[in-house]
Amino acid sequence: MEIKEVIEAIEYVKKYKTETNRIEVKKALGGFPTCYDTFSSFSNKYGGIIIFGVDEDKDFEITGVYDINDLQKNKCNS
């Protein structure tokens, strides 16, 4: 995926204040977020992207992640 596509996806959720069936956001300041339901949903469709560091509860504010290196290494087990 190109960075341009990620930026466009972030701009979309911020503009329309909603996720889509192909774009999911997860806040990740306090640790690796729960993703099992998202993976399950995407696997039953055509896939999608999960954007970490955006908080849906805070009007889709970009909040960042707790530790980018750990986030990249972590496996979603929940």
PDB file of N, CA and C in Angstrom:
ATOM      1  N   MET A   1       0.843  -1.166   0.000  1.00  0.00           N
ATOM      2  CA  MET A   1       0.000   0.000   0.000  1.00  0.00           C
ATOM      3  C   MET A   1       0.891   1.232   0.000  1.00  0.00           C
ATOM      4  N   GLU A   2       0.533   2.186  -0.787  1.00  0.00           N
ATOM      5  CA  GLU A   2       1.285   3.430  -0.891  1.00  0.00           C
ATOM      6  C   GLU A   2       0.897   4.389   0.235  1.00  0.00           C
ATOM      7  N   ILE A   3       1.832   5.220   0.657  1.00  0.00           N
ATOM      8  CA  ILE A   3       1.575   6.189   1.720  1.00  0.00           C
ATOM      9  C   ILE A   3       0.437   7.136   1.340  1.00  0.00           C
ATOM     10  N   LYS A   4       0.344   7.435   0.051  1.00  0.00           N
ATOM     11  CA  LYS A   4      -0.729   8.314  -0.436  1.00  0.00           C
ATOM     12  C   LYS A   4      -2.102   7.714  -0.114  1.00  0.00           C
ATOM     13  N   GLU A   5      -2.230   6.410  -0.285  1.00  0.00           N
ATOM     14  CA  GLU A   5      -3.502   5.739  -0.008  1.00  0.00           C
ATOM     15  C   GLU A   5      -3.846   5.787   1.481  1.00  0.00           C
ATOM     16  N   VAL A   6      -2.839   5.649   2.325  1.00  0.00           N
ATOM     17  CA  VAL A   6      -3.070   5.720   3.771  1.00  0.00           C
ATOM     18  C   VAL A   6      -3.506   7.128   4.157  1.00  0.00           C
ATOM     19  N   ILE A   7      -2.830   8.127   3.625  1.00  0.00           N
ATOM     20  CA  ILE A   7      -3.188   9.521   3.916  1.00  0.00           C
ATOM     21  C   ILE A   7      -4.610   9.806   3.453  1.00  0.00           C
ATOM     22  N   GLU A   8      -4.966   9.338   2.279  1.00  0.00           N
ATOM     23  CA  GLU A   8      -6.329   9.528   1.769  1.00  0.00           C
ATOM     24  C   GLU A   8      -7.360   8.850   2.669  1.00  0.00           C
ATOM     25  N   ALA A   9      -7.027   7.664   3.179  1.00  0.00           N
ATOM     26  CA  ALA A   9      -7.945   6.948   4.073  1.00  0.00           C
ATOM     27  C   ALA A   9      -8.125   7.720   5.380  1.00  0.00           C
ATOM     28  N   ILE A  10      -7.035   8.249   5.934  1.00  0.00           N
ATOM     29  CA  ILE A  10      -7.125   9.046   7.163  1.00  0.00           C
ATOM     30  C   ILE A  10      -7.954  10.300   6.913  1.00  0.00           C
ATOM     31  N   GLU A  11      -7.707  10.972   5.810  1.00  0.00           N
ATOM     32  CA  GLU A  11      -8.479  12.172   5.473  1.00  0.00           C
ATOM     33  C   GLU A  11      -9.963  11.843   5.334  1.00  0.00           C
ATOM     34  N   TYR A  12     -10.276  10.693   4.753  1.00  0.00           N
ATOM     35  CA  TYR A  12     -11.671  10.288   4.582  1.00  0.00           C
ATOM     36  C   TYR A  12     -12.366  10.107   5.931  1.00  0.00           C
ATOM     37  N   VAL A  13     -11.765   9.332   6.837  1.00  0.00           N
ATOM     38  CA  VAL A  13     -12.429   9.079   8.121  1.00  0.00           C
ATOM     39  C   VAL A  13     -12.530  10.357   8.948  1.00  0.00           C
ATOM     40  N   LYS A  14     -11.548  11.221   8.831  1.00  0.00           N
ATOM     41  CA  LYS A  14     -11.611  12.496   9.561  1.00  0.00           C
ATOM     42  C   LYS A  14     -12.701  13.397   8.981  1.00  0.00           C
ATOM     43  N   LYS A  15     -12.825  13.443   7.678  1.00  0.00           N
ATOM     44  CA  LYS A  15     -13.818  14.302   7.019  1.00  0.00           C
ATOM     45  C   LYS A  15     -15.238  13.832   7.300  1.00  0.00           C
ATOM     46  N   TYR A  16     -15.472  12.529   7.147  1.00  0.00           N
ATOM     47  CA  TYR A  16     -16.830  12.001   7.272  1.00  0.00           C
ATOM     48  C   TYR A  16     -17.144  11.452   8.662  1.00  0.00           C
ATOM     49  N   LYS A  17     -16.147  11.463   9.552  1.00  0.00           N
ATOM     50  CA  LYS A  17     -16.321  11.028  10.942  1.00  0.00           C
ATOM     51  C   LYS A  17     -16.890   9.616  11.031  1.00  0.00           C
ATOM     52  N   THR A  18     -16.388   8.732  10.185  1.00  0.00           N
ATOM     53  CA  THR A  18     -16.855   7.349  10.205  1.00  0.00           C
ATOM     54  C   THR A  18     -15.822   6.428   9.577  1.00  0.00           C
ATOM     55  N   GLU A  19     -15.823   5.194  10.011  1.00  0.00           N
ATOM     56  CA  GLU A  19     -15.040   4.159   9.366  1.00  0.00           C
ATOM     57  C   GLU A  19     -15.879   3.618   8.211  1.00  0.00           C
ATOM     58  N   THR A  20     -15.269   2.779   7.403  1.00  0.00           N
ATOM     59  CA  THR A  20     -16.006   2.164   6.304  1.00  0.00           C
ATOM     60  C   THR A  20     -15.854   0.647   6.415  1.00  0.00           C
ATOM     61  N   ASN A  21     -16.423  -0.058   5.472  1.00  0.00           N
ATOM     62  CA  ASN A  21     -16.258  -1.515   5.481  1.00  0.00           C
ATOM     63  C   ASN A  21     -14.857  -1.932   5.039  1.00  0.00           C
ATOM     64  N   ARG A  22     -14.018  -0.974   4.621  1.00  0.00           N
ATOM     65  CA  ARG A  22     -12.640  -1.263   4.192  1.00  0.00           C
ATOM     66  C   ARG A  22     -11.594  -0.487   4.980  1.00  0.00           C
ATOM     67  N   ILE A  23     -12.035   0.453   5.841  1.00  0.00           N
ATOM     68  CA  ILE A  23     -11.099   1.246   6.640  1.00  0.00           C
ATOM     69  C   ILE A  23     -11.518   1.175   8.100  1.00  0.00           C
ATOM     70  N   GLU A  24     -10.583   0.770   8.947  1.00  0.00           N
ATOM     71  CA  GLU A  24     -10.836   0.674  10.388  1.00  0.00           C
ATOM     72  C   GLU A  24      -9.712   1.432  11.088  1.00  0.00           C
ATOM     73  N   VAL A  25     -10.056   2.213  12.100  1.00  0.00           N
ATOM     74  CA  VAL A  25      -9.030   2.916  12.874  1.00  0.00           C
ATOM     75  C   VAL A  25      -8.987   2.348  14.279  1.00  0.00           C
ATOM     76  N   LYS A  26      -7.793   2.371  14.867  1.00  0.00           N
ATOM     77  CA  LYS A  26      -7.588   1.861  16.226  1.00  0.00           C
ATOM     78  C   LYS A  26      -6.687   2.823  16.972  1.00  0.00           C
ATOM     79  N   LYS A  27      -7.122   3.218  18.174  1.00  0.00           N
ATOM     80  CA  LYS A  27      -6.204   3.990  19.003  1.00  0.00           C
ATOM     81  C   LYS A  27      -5.156   3.024  19.532  1.00  0.00           C
ATOM     82  N   ALA A  28      -3.945   3.502  19.696  1.00  0.00           N
ATOM     83  CA  ALA A  28      -2.866   2.600  20.094  1.00  0.00           C
ATOM     84  C   ALA A  28      -1.863   3.305  21.006  1.00  0.00           C
ATOM     85  N   LEU A  29      -2.346   4.229  21.827  1.00  0.00           N
ATOM     86  CA  LEU A  29      -1.450   4.911  22.756  1.00  0.00           C
ATOM     87  C   LEU A  29      -1.136   4.053  23.971  1.00  0.00           C
ATOM     88  N   GLY A  30      -2.094   3.236  24.402  1.00  0.00           N
ATOM     89  CA  GLY A  30      -1.915   2.466  25.633  1.00  0.00           C
ATOM     90  C   GLY A  30      -1.441   1.053  25.432  1.00  0.00           C
ATOM     91  N   GLY A  31      -1.098   0.672  24.231  1.00  0.00           N
ATOM     92  CA  GLY A  31      -0.673  -0.689  23.949  1.00  0.00           C
ATOM     93  C   GLY A  31      -1.340  -1.190  22.682  1.00  0.00           C
ATOM     94  N   PHE A  32      -1.026  -2.422  22.326  1.00  0.00           N
ATOM     95  CA  PHE A  32      -1.573  -2.982  21.093  1.00  0.00           C
ATOM     96  C   PHE A  32      -3.083  -3.168  21.241  1.00  0.00           C
ATOM     97  N   PRO A  33      -3.874  -2.603  20.340  1.00  0.00           N
ATOM     98  CA  PRO A  33      -5.333  -2.701  20.454  1.00  0.00           C
ATOM     99  C   PRO A  33      -5.876  -4.066  20.044  1.00  0.00           C
ATOM    100  N   THR A  34      -7.076  -4.360  20.464  1.00  0.00           N
ATOM    101  CA  THR A  34      -7.772  -5.581  20.073  1.00  0.00           C
ATOM    102  C   THR A  34      -8.191  -5.468  18.610  1.00  0.00           C
ATOM    103  N   CYS A  35      -7.861  -6.477  17.826  1.00  0.00           N
ATOM    104  CA  CYS A  35      -8.125  -6.421  16.382  1.00  0.00           C
ATOM    105  C   CYS A  35      -8.846  -7.643  15.849  1.00  0.00           C
ATOM    106  N   TYR A  36      -9.091  -8.638  16.669  1.00  0.00           N
ATOM    107  CA  TYR A  36      -9.642  -9.895  16.172  1.00  0.00           C
ATOM    108  C   TYR A  36     -10.922  -9.691  15.370  1.00  0.00           C
ATOM    109  N   ASP A  37     -11.849  -8.895  15.889  1.00  0.00           N
ATOM    110  CA  ASP A  37     -13.120  -8.674  15.179  1.00  0.00           C
ATOM    111  C   ASP A  37     -12.891  -8.006  13.825  1.00  0.00           C
ATOM    112  N   THR A  38     -11.946  -7.091  13.772  1.00  0.00           N
ATOM    113  CA  THR A  38     -11.644  -6.414  12.515  1.00  0.00           C
ATOM    114  C   THR A  38     -11.073  -7.399  11.503  1.00  0.00           C
ATOM    115  N   PHE A  39     -10.108  -8.221  11.929  1.00  0.00           N
ATOM    116  CA  PHE A  39      -9.534  -9.221  11.025  1.00  0.00           C
ATOM    117  C   PHE A  39     -10.612 -10.172  10.510  1.00  0.00           C
ATOM    118  N   SER A  40     -11.483 -10.582  11.404  1.00  0.00           N
ATOM    119  CA  SER A  40     -12.560 -11.495  11.032  1.00  0.00           C
ATOM    120  C   SER A  40     -13.493 -10.856  10.009  1.00  0.00           C
ATOM    121  N   SER A  41     -13.851  -9.622  10.259  1.00  0.00           N
ATOM    122  CA  SER A  41     -14.741  -8.905   9.349  1.00  0.00           C
ATOM    123  C   SER A  41     -14.092  -8.721   7.976  1.00  0.00           C
ATOM    124  N   PHE A  42     -12.829  -8.294   7.962  1.00  0.00           N
ATOM    125  CA  PHE A  42     -12.136  -8.086   6.692  1.00  0.00           C
ATOM    126  C   PHE A  42     -11.978  -9.393   5.930  1.00  0.00           C
ATOM    127  N   SER A  43     -11.778 -10.495   6.639  1.00  0.00           N
ATOM    128  CA  SER A  43     -11.577 -11.776   5.943  1.00  0.00           C
ATOM    129  C   SER A  43     -12.862 -12.264   5.283  1.00  0.00           C
ATOM    130  N   ASN A  44     -14.002 -11.778   5.754  1.00  0.00           N
ATOM    131  CA  ASN A  44     -15.279 -12.165   5.157  1.00  0.00           C
ATOM    132  C   ASN A  44     -15.687 -11.248   4.022  1.00  0.00           C
ATOM    133  N   LYS A  45     -14.859 -10.262   3.718  1.00  0.00           N
ATOM    134  CA  LYS A  45     -15.151  -9.302   2.646  1.00  0.00           C
ATOM    135  C   LYS A  45     -13.991  -9.303   1.666  1.00  0.00           C
ATOM    136  N   TYR A  46     -13.570  -8.118   1.301  1.00  0.00           N
ATOM    137  CA  TYR A  46     -12.483  -7.972   0.342  1.00  0.00           C
ATOM    138  C   TYR A  46     -11.221  -7.422   0.985  1.00  0.00           C
ATOM    139  N   GLY A  47     -11.089  -7.577   2.292  1.00  0.00           N
ATOM    140  CA  GLY A  47      -9.931  -7.037   2.990  1.00  0.00           C
ATOM    141  C   GLY A  47     -10.157  -5.594   3.373  1.00  0.00           C
ATOM    142  N   GLY A  48      -9.113  -4.959   3.821  1.00  0.00           N
ATOM    143  CA  GLY A  48      -9.203  -3.568   4.223  1.00  0.00           C
ATOM    144  C   GLY A  48      -7.920  -3.145   4.890  1.00  0.00           C
ATOM    145  N   ILE A  49      -7.935  -1.945   5.450  1.00  0.00           N
ATOM    146  CA  ILE A  49      -6.756  -1.453   6.144  1.00  0.00           C
ATOM    147  C   ILE A  49      -7.133  -1.056   7.566  1.00  0.00           C
ATOM    148  N   ILE A  50      -6.196  -1.303   8.464  1.00  0.00           N
ATOM    149  CA  ILE A  50      -6.343  -0.864   9.843  1.00  0.00           C
ATOM    150  C   ILE A  50      -5.313   0.232  10.046  1.00  0.00           C
ATOM    151  N   ILE A  51      -5.766   1.361  10.504  1.00  0.00           N
ATOM    152  CA  ILE A  51      -4.873   2.490  10.753  1.00  0.00           C
ATOM    153  C   ILE A  51      -4.751   2.663  12.255  1.00  0.00           C
ATOM    154  N   PHE A  52      -3.544   2.463  12.775  1.00  0.00           N
ATOM    155  CA  PHE A  52      -3.290   2.620  14.199  1.00  0.00           C
ATOM    156  C   PHE A  52      -2.930   4.074  14.494  1.00  0.00           C
ATOM    157  N   GLY A  53      -3.360   4.538  15.668  1.00  0.00           N
ATOM    158  CA  GLY A  53      -3.002   5.886  16.099  1.00  0.00           C
ATOM    159  C   GLY A  53      -4.057   6.929  15.802  1.00  0.00           C
ATOM    160  N   VAL A  54      -5.261   6.494  15.470  1.00  0.00           N
ATOM    161  CA  VAL A  54      -6.386   7.406  15.246  1.00  0.00           C
ATOM    162  C   VAL A  54      -7.493   6.992  16.212  1.00  0.00           C
ATOM    163  N   ASP A  55      -8.008   7.956  16.967  1.00  0.00           N
ATOM    164  CA  ASP A  55      -8.993   7.660  18.016  1.00  0.00           C
ATOM    165  C   ASP A  55     -10.401   8.038  17.563  1.00  0.00           C
ATOM    166  N   GLU A  56     -11.190   7.018  17.280  1.00  0.00           N
ATOM    167  CA  GLU A  56     -12.579   7.226  16.847  1.00  0.00           C
ATOM    168  C   GLU A  56     -13.391   7.961  17.913  1.00  0.00           C
ATOM    169  N   ASP A  57     -13.122   7.663  19.184  1.00  0.00           N
ATOM    170  CA  ASP A  57     -13.871   8.282  20.275  1.00  0.00           C
ATOM    171  C   ASP A  57     -13.542   9.754  20.460  1.00  0.00           C
ATOM    172  N   LYS A  58     -12.459  10.211  19.888  1.00  0.00           N
ATOM    173  CA  LYS A  58     -12.054  11.618  19.975  1.00  0.00           C
ATOM    174  C   LYS A  58     -12.204  12.306  18.624  1.00  0.00           C
ATOM    175  N   ASP A  59     -13.304  12.004  17.943  1.00  0.00           N
ATOM    176  CA  ASP A  59     -13.601  12.638  16.658  1.00  0.00           C
ATOM    177  C   ASP A  59     -12.528  12.349  15.605  1.00  0.00           C
ATOM    178  N   PHE A  60     -12.000  11.126  15.640  1.00  0.00           N
ATOM    179  CA  PHE A  60     -11.003  10.664  14.678  1.00  0.00           C
ATOM    180  C   PHE A  60      -9.725  11.501  14.731  1.00  0.00           C
ATOM    181  N   GLU A  61      -9.376  11.908  15.942  1.00  0.00           N
ATOM    182  CA  GLU A  61      -8.139  12.655  16.173  1.00  0.00           C
ATOM    183  C   GLU A  61      -6.942  11.721  16.015  1.00  0.00           C
ATOM    184  N   ILE A  62      -5.891  12.230  15.416  1.00  0.00           N
ATOM    185  CA  ILE A  62      -4.652  11.468  15.307  1.00  0.00           C
ATOM    186  C   ILE A  62      -3.940  11.575  16.647  1.00  0.00           C
ATOM    187  N   THR A  63      -3.779  10.437  17.318  1.00  0.00           N
ATOM    188  CA  THR A  63      -3.210  10.429  18.660  1.00  0.00           C
ATOM    189  C   THR A  63      -1.838   9.775  18.718  1.00  0.00           C
ATOM    190  N   GLY A  64      -1.447   9.096  17.674  1.00  0.00           N
ATOM    191  CA  GLY A  64      -0.158   8.419  17.660  1.00  0.00           C
ATOM    192  C   GLY A  64      -0.236   7.040  18.299  1.00  0.00           C
ATOM    193  N   VAL A  65       0.890   6.374  18.358  1.00  0.00           N
ATOM    194  CA  VAL A  65       0.957   5.024  18.917  1.00  0.00           C
ATOM    195  C   VAL A  65       1.944   4.988  20.072  1.00  0.00           C
ATOM    196  N   TYR A  66       1.834   3.965  20.906  1.00  0.00           N
ATOM    197  CA  TYR A  66       2.658   3.846  22.108  1.00  0.00           C
ATOM    198  C   TYR A  66       4.124   3.604  21.790  1.00  0.00           C
ATOM    199  N   ASP A  67       4.430   2.758  20.836  1.00  0.00           N
ATOM    200  CA  ASP A  67       5.808   2.428  20.475  1.00  0.00           C
ATOM    201  C   ASP A  67       5.766   1.796  19.088  1.00  0.00           C
ATOM    202  N   ILE A  68       6.169   2.542  18.088  1.00  0.00           N
ATOM    203  CA  ILE A  68       6.041   2.086  16.708  1.00  0.00           C
ATOM    204  C   ILE A  68       6.795   0.779  16.457  1.00  0.00           C
ATOM    205  N   ASN A  69       7.959   0.618  17.058  1.00  0.00           N
ATOM    206  CA  ASN A  69       8.724  -0.617  16.849  1.00  0.00           C
ATOM    207  C   ASN A  69       8.010  -1.823  17.437  1.00  0.00           C
ATOM    208  N   ASP A  70       7.483  -1.686  18.653  1.00  0.00           N
ATOM    209  CA  ASP A  70       6.751  -2.787  19.267  1.00  0.00           C
ATOM    210  C   ASP A  70       5.456  -3.068  18.512  1.00  0.00           C
ATOM    211  N   LEU A  71       4.800  -2.022  18.059  1.00  0.00           N
ATOM    212  CA  LEU A  71       3.550  -2.191  17.311  1.00  0.00           C
ATOM    213  C   LEU A  71       3.794  -3.001  16.042  1.00  0.00           C
ATOM    214  N   GLN A  72       4.898  -2.742  15.362  1.00  0.00           N
ATOM    215  CA  GLN A  72       5.209  -3.468  14.136  1.00  0.00           C
ATOM    216  C   GLN A  72       5.557  -4.928  14.411  1.00  0.00           C
ATOM    217  N   LYS A  73       6.149  -5.207  15.555  1.00  0.00           N
ATOM    218  CA  LYS A  73       6.536  -6.580  15.908  1.00  0.00           C
ATOM    219  C   LYS A  73       5.384  -7.379  16.515  1.00  0.00           C
ATOM    220  N   ASN A  74       4.470  -6.694  17.177  1.00  0.00           N
ATOM    221  CA  ASN A  74       3.402  -7.347  17.932  1.00  0.00           C
ATOM    222  C   ASN A  74       2.474  -8.119  17.022  1.00  0.00           C
ATOM    223  N   LYS A  75       1.962  -9.219  17.512  1.00  0.00           N
ATOM    224  CA  LYS A  75       0.953  -9.985  16.796  1.00  0.00           C
ATOM    225  C   LYS A  75      -0.362  -9.815  17.498  1.00  0.00           C
ATOM    226  N   CYS A  76      -1.404  -9.642  16.744  1.00  0.00           N
ATOM    227  CA  CYS A  76      -2.725  -9.425  17.335  1.00  0.00           C
ATOM    228  C   CYS A  76      -3.269 -10.763  17.819  1.00  0.00           C
ATOM    229  N   ASN A  77      -3.308 -10.958  19.107  1.00  0.00           N
ATOM    230  CA  ASN A  77      -3.806 -12.198  19.676  1.00  0.00           C
ATOM    231  C   ASN A  77      -5.173 -12.031  20.322  1.00  0.00           C
ATOM    232  N   SER A  78      -5.719 -10.849  20.256  1.00  0.00           N
ATOM    233  CA  SER A  78      -7.012 -10.652  20.921  1.00  0.00           C
ATOM    234  C   SER A  78      -8.015 -10.041  19.978  1.00  0.00           C
TER     235      SER A  78
END
